[in-house]
Amino acid sequence: MIIGYRNMKRIKHQTTVLACCILAVIFFFPIFWMVLTSFKTELQAIQFPPVLFFEPTLENFSIINENSDYTKHALNSIITSLGATALAIIIAVPSAYSMAFFPGRYTKDILLWMLSTKMLPAVAVLMPIYLLAQWSNLLDTRIVLIFILAMMNLPIIMWLLFAYFKEIPKEILEASRMDGASTMEEIRYVVLPLAWGGIASAALLSIVLCWNEAFWTILLTAADAGTLTALVASYSMPEGLFWAKLSAASTLACAPIVVFGWFAQKQLVQGLTFGAVK
């Protein structure tokens, strides 16, 4: 019976590993095909059946560098992602602090309302936001992108920080108040050091979301403040889709954030799953 139990346990483990490998291949295949297509010619990219063995070419990357300023688009992505994340964190930290340690009657309702705004279709508020940006002469600027992206990610960051702050023992805060610490000193010297891991996780997630945002970057920017998502969209033209060049542009846009996510995957997973298991 013991041998049979061990065999069943081994079979279950092998089945789980096999299922995970299959899922990994399914999720990784689009990225692999995108990178593979970026080294093909336009003719090879649209051939059917698909060409798997071919002579790689860097022509698509050369054309992108000649026709588009990749460095400028990448710099815009970096500045808007970091700027929006910093603005959202600055707003979320004191807000989450007050809700976690001084909850009111409607604190949970406010948090649920903030989260419900993520369900709002972006196109529903496109017109007023576009008109406000036009009226304030902020169209095609980094400032409008930073503000919009920060407000988009603020509900998620608020929920993550609220969950982290709730795990801090209130006795520590009471001790700091007995020592005469003000509210700002309490946040700076007690809350922030204890919740630094949660703040870092929320910031990393926000950077990834800002980097991948395409709807607002395409509609609110053009030549000056266009990000890498706008660069990718520029290769979808009325003449048709240039698959090889589109794949090359997508590869250049994804590469920085994929590398970043690889090194920060532990913090990202920790932030997304925090509080799921008690």
Protein backbone atom coordinates (compact mmCIF):
# COMPACT_ATOMS: atom_id res chain seq x y z
CA MET A 1 0.00 0.00 0.00
CA ILE A 2 2.87 2.35 0.86
CA ILE A 3 4.55 1.59 -2.49
CA GLY A 4 1.28 2.25 -4.33
CA TYR A 5 0.86 5.56 -2.49
CA ARG A 6 4.39 6.59 -3.42
CA ASN A 7 3.78 5.69 -7.07
CA MET A 8 0.58 7.72 -7.12
CA LYS A 9 2.37 10.64 -5.51
CA ARG A 10 5.20 10.42 -8.08
CA ILE A 11 2.73 10.22 -10.97
CA LYS A 12 0.83 13.23 -9.62
CA HIS A 13 4.08 15.18 -9.32
CA GLN A 14 5.14 14.25 -12.86
CA THR A 15 1.71 15.20 -14.21
CA THR A 16 1.91 18.57 -12.48
CA VAL A 17 5.38 19.23 -13.87
CA LEU A 18 4.24 18.24 -17.37
CA ALA A 19 1.19 20.50 -17.15
CA CYS A 20 3.36 23.41 -15.99
CA CYS A 21 5.79 22.82 -18.88
CA ILE A 22 2.93 22.81 -21.39
CA LEU A 23 1.52 26.05 -19.96
CA ALA A 24 5.00 27.62 -20.01
CA VAL A 25 5.40 26.72 -23.70
CA ILE A 26 1.94 28.11 -24.51
CA PHE A 27 2.68 31.42 -22.78
CA PHE A 28 6.21 31.70 -24.16
CA PHE A 29 5.40 30.76 -27.77
CA PRO A 30 3.98 34.19 -28.83
CA ILE A 31 7.16 35.89 -27.59
CA PHE A 32 9.33 33.31 -29.36
CA TRP A 33 7.38 33.74 -32.62
CA MET A 34 7.57 37.53 -32.38
CA VAL A 35 11.35 37.45 -31.97
CA LEU A 36 11.70 34.87 -34.74
CA THR A 37 9.59 36.94 -37.15
CA SER A 38 11.63 40.05 -36.43
CA PHE A 39 14.63 38.40 -38.13
CA LYS A 40 12.67 37.49 -41.28
CA THR A 41 12.03 39.46 -44.43
CA GLU A 42 8.50 40.73 -45.09
CA LEU A 43 7.99 37.98 -47.66
CA GLN A 44 9.12 35.26 -45.26
CA ALA A 45 6.94 36.71 -42.46
CA ILE A 46 3.70 36.19 -44.43
CA GLN A 47 4.53 32.86 -46.04
CA PHE A 48 2.24 29.91 -45.37
CA PRO A 49 3.13 27.41 -44.12
CA PRO A 50 5.41 29.45 -41.85
CA VAL A 51 9.15 29.40 -42.50
CA LEU A 52 11.07 27.99 -39.54
CA PHE A 53 14.53 27.73 -41.07
CA PHE A 54 15.84 30.82 -42.85
CA GLU A 55 18.82 33.12 -43.01
CA PRO A 56 18.35 35.76 -40.27
CA THR A 57 18.51 39.42 -41.25
CA LEU A 58 18.87 42.63 -39.24
CA GLU A 59 17.23 44.69 -41.96
CA ASN A 60 14.06 45.32 -39.94
CA PHE A 61 15.98 46.67 -36.95
CA SER A 62 18.07 48.88 -39.24
CA ILE A 63 14.94 50.33 -40.85
CA ILE A 64 13.40 51.03 -37.45
CA ASN A 65 16.54 52.84 -36.28
CA GLU A 66 16.64 54.86 -39.52
CA ASN A 67 12.95 55.77 -39.72
CA SER A 68 12.19 56.09 -35.99
CA ASP A 69 14.10 57.49 -33.05
CA TYR A 70 14.12 54.41 -30.82
CA THR A 71 16.21 56.11 -28.14
CA LYS A 72 13.73 58.98 -27.85
CA HIS A 73 10.74 56.63 -27.57
CA ALA A 74 12.55 54.48 -25.00
CA LEU A 75 13.47 57.56 -22.97
CA ASN A 76 9.84 58.71 -23.02
CA SER A 77 8.74 55.27 -21.78
CA ILE A 78 11.27 55.36 -18.94
CA ILE A 79 10.41 58.91 -17.86
CA THR A 80 6.64 58.44 -17.99
CA SER A 81 6.75 55.06 -16.23
CA LEU A 82 9.00 56.24 -13.43
CA GLY A 83 7.25 59.62 -13.13
CA ALA A 84 3.76 58.12 -12.98
CA THR A 85 4.89 55.52 -10.45
CA ALA A 86 6.54 58.13 -8.24
CA LEU A 87 3.44 60.36 -8.33
CA ALA A 88 1.13 57.44 -7.52
CA ILE A 89 3.34 56.29 -4.61
CA ILE A 90 3.51 59.82 -3.18
CA ILE A 91 -0.30 60.01 -3.18
CA ALA A 92 -0.92 56.41 -2.10
CA VAL A 93 1.41 56.21 0.93
CA PRO A 94 -0.32 58.82 3.16
CA SER A 95 -3.76 57.75 1.90
CA ALA A 96 -3.15 54.06 2.62
CA TYR A 97 -1.60 55.00 6.00
CA SER A 98 -4.70 56.90 7.10
CA MET A 99 -7.06 54.15 5.91
CA ALA A 100 -5.03 51.35 7.50
CA PHE A 101 -4.41 52.91 10.92
CA PHE A 102 -7.32 55.36 11.23
CA PRO A 103 -10.18 53.56 9.46
CA GLY A 104 -13.49 55.33 9.29
CA ARG A 105 -17.03 54.16 8.80
CA TYR A 106 -16.75 54.26 5.00
CA THR A 107 -13.13 53.21 4.55
CA LYS A 108 -13.96 49.86 2.92
CA ASP A 109 -16.57 51.51 0.72
CA ILE A 110 -14.01 54.04 -0.48
CA LEU A 111 -11.51 51.30 -1.26
CA LEU A 112 -14.12 49.32 -3.19
CA TRP A 113 -15.16 52.45 -5.07
CA MET A 114 -11.55 53.16 -6.02
CA LEU A 115 -11.12 49.61 -7.27
CA SER A 116 -14.40 49.80 -9.21
CA THR A 117 -12.98 52.66 -11.29
CA LYS A 118 -10.66 50.10 -12.93
CA MET A 119 -13.79 48.56 -14.49
CA LEU A 120 -14.61 51.82 -16.28
CA PRO A 121 -13.90 51.58 -20.04
CA ALA A 122 -11.12 53.98 -20.91
CA VAL A 123 -12.91 55.10 -24.05
CA ALA A 124 -15.80 56.37 -21.89
CA VAL A 125 -13.64 59.18 -20.48
CA LEU A 126 -11.54 59.75 -23.61
CA MET A 127 -13.36 62.86 -24.80
CA PRO A 128 -13.23 64.90 -21.54
CA ILE A 129 -9.60 63.96 -20.87
CA TYR A 130 -8.60 64.79 -24.44
CA LEU A 131 -10.38 68.16 -24.31
CA LEU A 132 -8.80 69.00 -20.95
CA ALA A 133 -5.36 68.13 -22.28
CA GLN A 134 -5.99 70.21 -25.39
CA TRP A 135 -7.31 73.16 -23.41
CA SER A 136 -4.26 73.13 -21.11
CA ASN A 137 -1.81 72.72 -24.03
CA LEU A 138 -0.58 69.38 -22.65
CA LEU A 139 -1.24 67.21 -25.70
CA ASP A 140 1.84 65.29 -26.81
CA THR A 141 3.67 65.99 -23.54
CA ARG A 142 5.10 63.69 -20.92
CA ILE A 143 3.25 65.55 -18.17
CA VAL A 144 -0.21 64.49 -19.32
CA LEU A 145 0.92 60.88 -19.66
CA ILE A 146 2.47 60.87 -16.20
CA PHE A 147 -0.73 62.22 -14.65
CA ILE A 148 -3.07 59.86 -16.54
CA LEU A 149 -0.96 56.75 -15.89
CA ALA A 150 -0.56 57.64 -12.21
CA MET A 151 -4.32 58.00 -11.74
CA MET A 152 -4.92 54.72 -13.61
CA ASN A 153 -2.62 52.72 -11.35
CA LEU A 154 -3.46 54.52 -8.11
CA PRO A 155 -6.32 52.14 -7.07
CA ILE A 156 -4.10 49.06 -7.41
CA ILE A 157 -1.22 50.70 -5.55
CA MET A 158 -3.60 51.86 -2.82
CA TRP A 159 -4.91 48.33 -2.29
CA LEU A 160 -1.41 46.82 -2.19
CA LEU A 161 -0.10 49.40 0.29
CA PHE A 162 -3.25 49.17 2.40
CA ALA A 163 -2.72 45.39 2.70
CA TYR A 164 0.93 45.85 3.67
CA PHE A 165 0.25 48.60 6.18
CA LYS A 166 -2.46 46.53 7.86
CA GLU A 167 0.17 43.89 8.68
CA ILE A 168 2.26 46.35 10.69
CA PRO A 169 1.60 45.87 14.44
CA LYS A 170 -0.20 48.88 15.85
CA GLU A 171 1.81 48.56 19.06
CA ILE A 172 4.89 49.80 17.19
CA LEU A 173 3.06 52.93 16.10
CA GLU A 174 1.70 53.50 19.60
CA ALA A 175 5.22 53.26 20.98
CA SER A 176 6.46 55.87 18.49
CA ARG A 177 3.61 58.21 19.46
CA MET A 178 4.48 57.81 23.13
CA ASP A 179 8.01 58.87 22.22
CA GLY A 180 6.59 62.06 20.73
CA ALA A 181 6.79 61.22 17.02
CA SER A 182 4.63 63.35 14.74
CA THR A 183 2.54 61.87 11.95
CA MET A 184 5.15 62.59 9.29
CA GLU A 185 7.93 61.20 11.50
CA GLU A 186 5.84 58.11 12.14
CA ILE A 187 5.40 57.54 8.42
CA ARG A 188 9.03 58.30 7.59
CA TYR A 189 10.84 56.45 10.37
CA VAL A 190 8.42 53.64 11.24
CA VAL A 191 5.93 52.82 8.49
CA LEU A 192 8.13 53.24 5.41
CA PRO A 193 11.05 51.09 6.67
CA LEU A 194 8.70 48.31 7.80
CA ALA A 195 6.65 48.36 4.58
CA TRP A 196 9.54 48.97 2.19
CA GLY A 197 9.10 45.56 0.55
CA GLY A 198 5.43 46.24 -0.15
CA ILE A 199 6.16 49.71 -1.55
CA ALA A 200 8.84 48.27 -3.83
CA SER A 201 6.46 45.55 -5.07
CA ALA A 202 3.73 48.10 -5.79
CA ALA A 203 6.21 50.36 -7.59
CA LEU A 204 7.53 47.51 -9.75
CA LEU A 205 4.02 46.49 -10.74
CA SER A 206 3.14 50.08 -11.56
CA ILE A 207 6.22 50.45 -13.78
CA VAL A 208 5.25 47.34 -15.76
CA LEU A 209 1.66 48.55 -16.20
CA CYS A 210 2.78 52.02 -17.28
CA TRP A 211 5.31 50.60 -19.73
CA ASN A 212 2.67 48.41 -21.40
CA GLU A 213 -0.03 51.07 -21.62
CA ALA A 214 -0.98 51.69 -25.25
CA PHE A 215 -4.46 53.26 -25.35
CA TRP A 216 -3.60 56.62 -23.79
CA THR A 217 -0.07 56.87 -25.18
CA ILE A 218 -1.31 56.45 -28.75
CA LEU A 219 -4.22 58.89 -28.40
CA LEU A 220 -2.54 61.63 -26.36
CA THR A 221 0.94 61.68 -27.88
CA ALA A 222 2.56 62.04 -31.28
CA ALA A 223 6.13 62.84 -32.25
CA ASP A 224 7.43 64.49 -29.08
CA ALA A 225 6.15 62.33 -26.20
CA GLY A 226 5.46 59.05 -27.99
CA THR A 227 6.50 55.95 -26.03
CA LEU A 228 7.58 52.56 -27.30
CA THR A 229 3.95 51.42 -27.55
CA ALA A 230 3.34 54.32 -29.94
CA LEU A 231 6.42 53.24 -31.91
CA VAL A 232 4.97 49.75 -32.31
CA ALA A 233 1.59 51.13 -33.39
CA SER A 234 3.25 53.28 -36.06
CA TYR A 235 4.00 50.15 -38.09
CA SER A 236 0.30 49.40 -38.48
CA MET A 237 -0.43 51.49 -41.57
CA PRO A 238 -3.35 51.91 -44.00
CA GLU A 239 -1.33 49.96 -46.54
CA GLY A 240 -1.40 46.97 -44.24
CA LEU A 241 0.59 45.33 -41.47
CA PHE A 242 4.31 45.02 -42.01
CA TRP A 243 4.69 41.89 -39.90
CA ALA A 244 8.48 41.68 -39.88
CA LYS A 245 8.97 45.35 -38.98
CA LEU A 246 6.08 45.22 -36.51
CA SER A 247 7.70 42.21 -34.82
CA ALA A 248 11.08 43.95 -34.71
CA ALA A 249 9.53 47.06 -33.15
CA SER A 250 7.64 44.90 -30.64
CA THR A 251 10.83 43.04 -29.75
CA LEU A 252 12.66 46.31 -29.10
CA ALA A 253 9.73 47.56 -27.00
CA CYS A 254 9.37 44.37 -24.95
CA ALA A 255 13.05 43.61 -24.38
CA PRO A 256 13.74 46.22 -21.63
CA ILE A 257 10.63 45.40 -19.57
CA VAL A 258 11.10 41.63 -20.00
CA VAL A 259 14.65 41.89 -18.65
CA PHE A 260 13.43 44.16 -15.86
CA GLY A 261 10.62 41.74 -14.98
CA TRP A 262 13.02 38.79 -14.97
CA PHE A 263 15.22 40.37 -12.31
CA ALA A 264 12.25 41.70 -10.31
CA GLN A 265 10.00 38.64 -10.60
CA LYS A 266 10.33 37.71 -6.92
CA GLN A 267 9.15 41.13 -5.77
CA LEU A 268 6.36 41.20 -8.37
CA VAL A 269 4.98 37.81 -7.34
CA GLN A 270 5.24 38.75 -3.68
CA GLY A 271 3.28 41.94 -4.28
CA LEU A 272 0.55 40.26 -6.31
CA THR A 273 0.03 37.34 -3.92
CA PHE A 274 0.47 39.18 -0.61
CA GLY A 275 -2.38 38.43 1.73
CA ALA A 276 -3.74 35.58 -0.39
CA VAL A 277 -2.65 32.94 2.13
CA LYS A 278 -2.82 33.46 5.86
